[in-house]
Protein backbone atom coordinates (compact mmCIF):
# COMPACT_ATOMS: atom_id res chain seq x y z
CA MET A 1 -95.01 -71.61 -118.90
CA ASN A 2 -98.72 -70.79 -119.34
CA ASP A 3 -98.13 -67.23 -120.56
CA ALA A 4 -100.04 -65.33 -123.21
CA ARG A 5 -97.42 -66.04 -125.89
CA TRP A 6 -97.91 -69.79 -125.71
CA ARG A 7 -101.67 -69.37 -125.56
CA ARG A 8 -101.58 -67.50 -128.89
CA LEU A 9 -99.46 -70.27 -130.39
CA LEU A 10 -101.43 -73.20 -129.00
CA LYS A 11 -104.51 -73.31 -131.20
CA ILE A 12 -104.61 -77.08 -131.10
CA PRO A 13 -106.19 -78.57 -134.25
CA PRO A 14 -108.29 -81.74 -133.98
CA GLY A 15 -106.25 -84.91 -133.80
CA LEU A 16 -103.05 -83.33 -132.49
CA ILE A 17 -101.40 -84.97 -129.50
CA ARG A 18 -103.30 -84.83 -126.24
CA TYR A 19 -101.98 -86.72 -123.27
CA ARG A 20 -102.03 -87.06 -119.49
CA TYR A 21 -99.08 -86.50 -117.20
CA ALA A 22 -98.42 -87.06 -113.51
CA ALA A 23 -97.37 -84.01 -111.52
CA LEU A 24 -94.28 -84.72 -109.39
CA PRO A 25 -93.26 -85.02 -106.64
CA ILE A 26 -95.79 -87.46 -105.21
CA ALA A 27 -95.29 -87.59 -101.45
CA ALA A 28 -96.35 -91.21 -100.97
CA LEU A 29 -94.03 -92.43 -103.71
CA ALA A 30 -91.16 -90.24 -102.56
CA GLU A 31 -91.23 -92.19 -99.31
CA ALA A 32 -91.69 -95.65 -100.87
CA PRO A 33 -88.88 -98.20 -100.48
CA THR A 34 -87.04 -98.57 -103.77
CA GLY A 35 -84.34 -101.13 -103.02
CA GLU A 36 -80.93 -100.51 -104.55
CA PRO A 37 -81.34 -100.53 -108.34
CA LYS A 38 -78.25 -100.37 -110.53
CA ILE A 39 -78.62 -96.96 -112.16
CA GLY A 40 -76.85 -95.87 -115.33
CA ILE A 41 -76.91 -92.22 -116.40
CA PHE A 42 -76.13 -91.82 -120.12
CA VAL A 43 -75.29 -88.33 -121.33
CA HIS A 44 -74.57 -87.40 -124.93
CA ALA A 45 -72.49 -84.21 -124.89
CA PHE A 46 -72.00 -82.93 -128.40
CA TYR A 47 -72.20 -79.39 -126.99
CA GLU A 48 -69.67 -80.08 -124.27
CA GLN A 49 -69.93 -76.67 -122.60
CA GLU A 50 -73.64 -77.30 -121.97
CA ILE A 51 -72.70 -79.97 -119.41
CA GLN A 52 -72.59 -77.09 -116.94
CA ARG A 53 -76.38 -76.81 -117.25
CA ILE A 54 -76.75 -80.51 -116.40
CA LEU A 55 -74.39 -80.70 -113.42
CA PRO A 56 -76.78 -79.15 -110.84
CA TYR A 57 -79.43 -81.72 -111.77
CA LEU A 58 -77.08 -84.68 -111.33
CA ALA A 59 -76.59 -83.52 -107.74
CA HIS A 60 -80.28 -84.30 -107.07
CA ILE A 61 -79.81 -88.06 -107.57
CA GLY A 62 -79.72 -89.46 -104.07
CA ALA A 63 -78.57 -92.93 -105.05
CA PRO A 64 -75.37 -94.46 -106.45
CA PHE A 65 -75.09 -94.41 -110.21
CA ARG A 66 -72.58 -94.93 -113.00
CA LEU A 67 -72.11 -92.08 -115.44
CA PHE A 68 -71.54 -92.80 -119.13
CA VAL A 69 -70.82 -89.90 -121.48
CA SER A 70 -70.50 -89.81 -125.26
CA THR A 71 -68.98 -87.10 -127.43
CA ASP A 72 -67.18 -86.83 -130.76
CA THR A 73 -63.67 -85.38 -130.34
CA PRO A 74 -60.67 -85.92 -128.03
CA GLU A 75 -60.77 -82.24 -127.03
CA LYS A 76 -64.37 -82.52 -125.88
CA LYS A 77 -63.57 -85.77 -124.06
CA ASN A 78 -60.79 -84.06 -122.08
CA PHE A 79 -63.10 -81.19 -121.14
CA LEU A 80 -65.88 -83.53 -120.02
CA GLU A 81 -63.59 -85.74 -117.96
CA ALA A 82 -62.37 -82.66 -116.10
CA ALA A 83 -65.84 -81.17 -115.62
CA LEU A 84 -67.30 -84.48 -114.39
CA ARG A 85 -64.26 -85.72 -112.47
CA SER A 86 -66.16 -86.18 -109.19
CA TYR A 87 -68.45 -88.73 -110.89
CA ALA A 88 -65.60 -90.82 -112.38
CA PRO A 89 -67.32 -90.82 -115.78
CA ASP A 90 -66.78 -93.32 -118.56
CA VAL A 91 -66.35 -90.87 -121.47
CA ARG A 92 -66.22 -92.33 -124.99
CA ILE A 93 -65.70 -90.85 -128.42
CA PHE A 94 -68.13 -91.88 -131.15
CA GLU A 95 -68.56 -90.71 -134.71
CA ASN A 96 -70.88 -87.69 -134.99
CA ARG A 97 -73.60 -89.71 -136.60
CA GLY A 98 -77.09 -90.38 -135.27
CA ARG A 99 -76.72 -87.56 -132.74
CA ASP A 100 -77.76 -88.73 -129.23
CA ILE A 101 -79.76 -91.69 -130.58
CA ALA A 102 -76.86 -93.73 -131.98
CA PRO A 103 -74.86 -93.58 -128.70
CA LYS A 104 -78.05 -94.70 -126.89
CA PHE A 105 -78.86 -97.73 -128.98
CA VAL A 106 -75.45 -98.58 -130.46
CA GLY A 107 -72.53 -97.10 -128.53
CA PHE A 108 -73.76 -97.99 -125.03
CA ARG A 109 -76.01 -100.93 -125.92
CA ASP A 110 -74.29 -103.47 -123.64
CA GLU A 111 -73.75 -101.04 -120.75
CA GLN A 112 -77.49 -100.38 -120.62
CA ARG A 113 -78.33 -104.07 -120.39
CA ALA A 114 -76.24 -104.29 -117.20
CA CYS A 115 -78.44 -101.69 -115.43
CA ASP A 116 -81.80 -101.88 -113.70
CA LEU A 117 -82.73 -98.28 -114.57
CA VAL A 118 -81.23 -95.89 -117.10
CA LEU A 119 -81.57 -92.18 -117.71
CA HIS A 120 -80.90 -90.76 -121.16
CA ILE A 121 -80.20 -87.05 -121.42
CA HIS A 122 -78.12 -84.88 -123.72
CA THR A 123 -76.75 -81.36 -124.05
CA LYS A 124 -79.63 -80.16 -126.18
CA LYS A 125 -79.11 -76.72 -127.68
CA SER A 126 -81.47 -76.54 -130.70
CA PRO A 127 -79.60 -73.65 -132.36
CA HIS A 128 -82.07 -73.60 -135.26
CA ALA A 129 -84.95 -72.17 -133.15
CA GLU A 130 -84.82 -69.45 -130.49
CA GLU A 131 -88.05 -70.58 -128.85
CA LEU A 132 -86.34 -73.87 -127.88
CA ALA A 133 -83.64 -72.17 -125.79
CA ARG A 134 -85.10 -73.39 -122.48
CA TRP A 135 -86.27 -76.80 -123.72
CA LEU A 136 -83.35 -78.56 -122.00
CA GLU A 137 -84.19 -77.11 -118.57
CA PHE A 138 -87.87 -77.93 -119.12
CA ILE A 139 -86.99 -81.59 -119.67
CA LEU A 140 -84.42 -81.75 -116.87
CA ASP A 141 -86.92 -80.23 -114.43
CA SER A 142 -89.34 -83.05 -115.26
CA LEU A 143 -86.81 -85.86 -114.95
CA LEU A 144 -84.32 -84.54 -112.36
CA GLY A 145 -85.91 -81.42 -110.93
CA SER A 146 -85.32 -82.06 -107.23
CA PRO A 147 -84.43 -84.86 -104.81
CA ASP A 148 -88.16 -85.39 -104.20
CA VAL A 149 -88.80 -85.69 -107.94
CA LEU A 150 -86.10 -88.34 -108.16
CA ARG A 151 -87.47 -90.23 -105.17
CA SER A 152 -90.91 -90.14 -106.78
CA ILE A 153 -89.54 -91.52 -110.06
CA PHE A 154 -87.68 -94.31 -108.29
CA GLY A 155 -90.86 -94.95 -106.28
CA LEU A 156 -92.90 -95.22 -109.49
CA PHE A 157 -90.59 -97.86 -110.90
CA ALA A 158 -90.55 -99.77 -107.60
CA THR A 159 -94.34 -99.63 -107.18
CA TYR A 160 -95.28 -100.45 -110.77
CA PRO A 161 -93.12 -103.30 -112.13
CA HIS A 162 -94.88 -103.02 -115.49
CA LEU A 163 -93.84 -99.37 -115.87
CA GLY A 164 -91.04 -99.27 -118.43
CA VAL A 165 -90.50 -95.64 -119.50
CA ILE A 166 -90.94 -92.31 -117.73
CA ALA A 167 -90.86 -89.37 -120.16
CA PRO A 168 -91.10 -85.62 -119.62
CA ARG A 169 -93.98 -83.38 -120.58
CA VAL A 170 -94.00 -82.14 -124.16
CA HIS A 171 -92.71 -78.59 -124.39
CA PRO A 172 -95.37 -76.25 -125.87
CA SER A 173 -93.03 -75.06 -128.59
CA VAL A 174 -92.68 -78.58 -130.05
CA VAL A 175 -96.20 -79.95 -129.65
CA TYR A 176 -96.70 -79.56 -133.42
CA GLY A 177 -93.61 -81.73 -133.92
CA VAL A 178 -95.23 -84.74 -132.26
CA GLN A 179 -96.34 -86.10 -135.60
CA TRP A 180 -95.03 -88.35 -138.36
CA GLY A 181 -93.56 -85.54 -140.45
CA LYS A 182 -91.05 -87.05 -142.91
CA ASN A 183 -90.43 -90.00 -140.61
CA TYR A 184 -93.31 -92.36 -141.34
CA CYS A 185 -91.63 -94.75 -143.80
CA LYS A 186 -88.42 -95.16 -141.78
CA THR A 187 -90.42 -95.58 -138.56
CA VAL A 188 -92.70 -98.23 -140.07
CA TYR A 189 -89.70 -100.17 -141.41
CA LEU A 190 -87.94 -100.21 -138.03
CA ALA A 191 -91.20 -100.99 -136.23
CA ARG A 192 -91.73 -104.06 -138.42
CA ARG A 193 -88.25 -105.27 -137.53
CA MET A 194 -89.35 -105.05 -133.87
CA GLY A 195 -92.56 -106.95 -134.60
CA VAL A 196 -94.76 -103.83 -134.31
CA ARG A 197 -97.25 -102.85 -136.99
CA LEU A 198 -97.91 -99.13 -137.45
CA GLU A 199 -100.38 -97.30 -139.68
CA ARG A 200 -100.66 -93.59 -140.39
CA SER A 201 -103.74 -93.59 -138.17
CA THR A 202 -101.74 -95.08 -135.27
CA ARG A 203 -101.71 -92.73 -132.30
CA LEU A 204 -98.27 -91.13 -132.17
CA ASP A 205 -96.65 -90.19 -128.88
CA PHE A 206 -92.99 -90.22 -127.89
CA PRO A 207 -90.52 -88.54 -125.51
CA ALA A 208 -90.01 -85.39 -127.59
CA GLY A 209 -86.35 -84.45 -127.18
CA SER A 210 -85.41 -88.14 -126.66
CA MET A 211 -84.70 -87.86 -122.92
CA PHE A 212 -86.30 -90.29 -120.48
CA TRP A 213 -85.92 -92.80 -117.64
CA ALA A 214 -86.38 -96.47 -118.55
CA ARG A 215 -85.89 -100.07 -117.62
CA PRO A 216 -83.47 -101.51 -120.19
CA ALA A 217 -85.87 -104.43 -120.62
CA ALA A 218 -88.44 -101.96 -121.97
CA LEU A 219 -85.91 -100.77 -124.56
CA ALA A 220 -84.91 -104.30 -125.57
CA PRO A 221 -86.84 -104.28 -128.89
CA LEU A 222 -84.77 -101.26 -129.95
CA LEU A 223 -81.49 -102.55 -128.53
CA ASP A 224 -82.10 -105.89 -130.25
CA LEU A 225 -82.23 -104.25 -133.68
CA ASP A 226 -78.42 -104.47 -133.52
CA LEU A 227 -77.97 -101.23 -135.40
CA ALA A 228 -74.51 -99.85 -136.17
CA PHE A 229 -73.37 -96.25 -136.48
CA SER A 230 -73.40 -96.84 -140.22
CA SER A 231 -77.18 -97.38 -139.94
CA PHE A 232 -77.50 -93.63 -139.39
CA GLU A 233 -77.18 -90.89 -141.97
CA PRO A 234 -74.11 -88.63 -142.01
CA GLU A 235 -74.70 -85.40 -140.10
CA HIS A 236 -75.87 -82.49 -142.26
CA GLY A 237 -77.92 -80.48 -139.76
CA GLN A 238 -81.15 -82.35 -140.59
CA VAL A 239 -84.21 -81.31 -138.58
CA ASP A 240 -86.42 -84.25 -139.59
CA GLY A 241 -86.59 -87.45 -141.62
CA THR A 242 -83.56 -89.34 -140.31
CA THR A 243 -83.18 -92.78 -138.73
CA ALA A 244 -82.59 -91.03 -135.41
CA HIS A 245 -85.92 -89.23 -135.68
CA ALA A 246 -87.64 -92.52 -136.52
CA LEU A 247 -86.14 -94.34 -133.52
CA GLU A 248 -87.17 -91.52 -131.20
CA ARG A 249 -90.77 -92.10 -132.29
CA LEU A 250 -90.56 -95.81 -131.43
CA ILE A 251 -89.57 -95.61 -127.75
CA PHE A 252 -93.09 -96.05 -126.33
CA TYR A 253 -93.95 -98.70 -128.93
CA ALA A 254 -90.83 -100.65 -128.03
CA ALA A 255 -91.81 -100.58 -124.36
CA GLU A 256 -95.30 -101.84 -125.20
CA ARG A 257 -93.84 -104.58 -127.41
CA ALA A 258 -91.72 -105.68 -124.44
CA GLY A 259 -94.77 -105.79 -122.15
CA TYR A 260 -94.31 -102.45 -120.38
CA ARG A 261 -96.24 -99.21 -120.04
CA SER A 262 -95.03 -95.61 -120.27
CA LEU A 263 -95.87 -92.41 -118.41
CA HIS A 264 -95.33 -88.68 -118.91
CA VAL A 265 -94.37 -86.66 -115.83
CA GLY A 266 -93.82 -83.00 -114.98
CA THR A 267 -93.12 -80.79 -112.01
CA SER A 268 -96.12 -78.47 -112.31
CA ASP A 269 -99.88 -78.93 -112.42
CA ASP A 270 -100.21 -75.89 -114.71
CA ALA A 271 -101.43 -77.89 -117.69
CA GLU A 272 -101.50 -76.63 -121.27
CA ALA A 273 -104.44 -77.01 -123.63
CA PHE A 274 -103.17 -80.36 -124.91
CA GLU A 275 -102.49 -81.84 -121.45
CA THR A 276 -104.43 -83.29 -118.54
CA VAL A 277 -102.89 -83.55 -115.08
CA ILE A 278 -103.47 -86.77 -113.16
CA GLY A 279 -103.17 -87.21 -109.43
CA SER A 280 -101.46 -89.92 -107.42
CA GLY A 281 -104.67 -91.98 -107.34
CA GLU A 282 -105.06 -91.94 -111.12
CA LEU A 283 -101.60 -93.02 -112.27
CA GLU A 284 -102.71 -96.07 -114.20
CA GLN A 285 -105.13 -93.87 -116.15
CA GLY A 286 -102.10 -91.93 -117.34
CA TRP A 287 -100.30 -94.77 -119.12
CA VAL A 288 -99.39 -93.79 -122.66
CA ARG A 289 -101.90 -95.12 -125.16
CA THR A 290 -100.24 -96.27 -128.35
CA ARG A 291 -103.31 -97.75 -129.98
């Protein structure tokens, strides 16, 4: 990832996101007892054919889990049920509104609450930008990259009960997107409904790409907004400024509101200019700072 092309692009201006991430796997955590958490894997599959890119990663999960899948047409549902047959998925059709965010916080709201840990991923394709072609694999490597990565993530949750969200590293091609953009007003409005006060000077950090592991209790402030699919704008190919973009920016703030911390992770210690790698003895120094 640290090639000359990204180096030319990454002239980081003052004030842009800088953050710490933990390099996985962590041997001690990979061997830590984790109990038997109830795990829910939630996949939004608008691009149903892209599920083939996700299947090898699901095979790395060395624990029982329930698989929930959302899509938008009966034809896609039939394809996904066949492709995922070995996992006995619960595949549901939702209106194509709010992209992956509405299925997260509306469509599968109650199913999340019944889990101890949830993973949110989706068949990200980003057809509007060629440089994002490998963004999905970059995220999946961080969150599901190997059995040892998964054991480390489960070990993190078991070892740190106040850890609520584990997010991937920020892909270099989208580091400039970790900002308010056109989303400030919508984000502030939703934050106030959660009991969180934001200002333009508030440090902004979020799981760019909206994929992450979490305890449902850490997402409760968002789930408790009781949004409906009608709360989201009709789909018109928007790249910014929607309710979905605003909610994505609130994931870490929701966790903090619920009394939890968040952490970025990755599977390489080859840090970019805007990143600092932390070791296994420094994990609590890596909690996301939202103030």
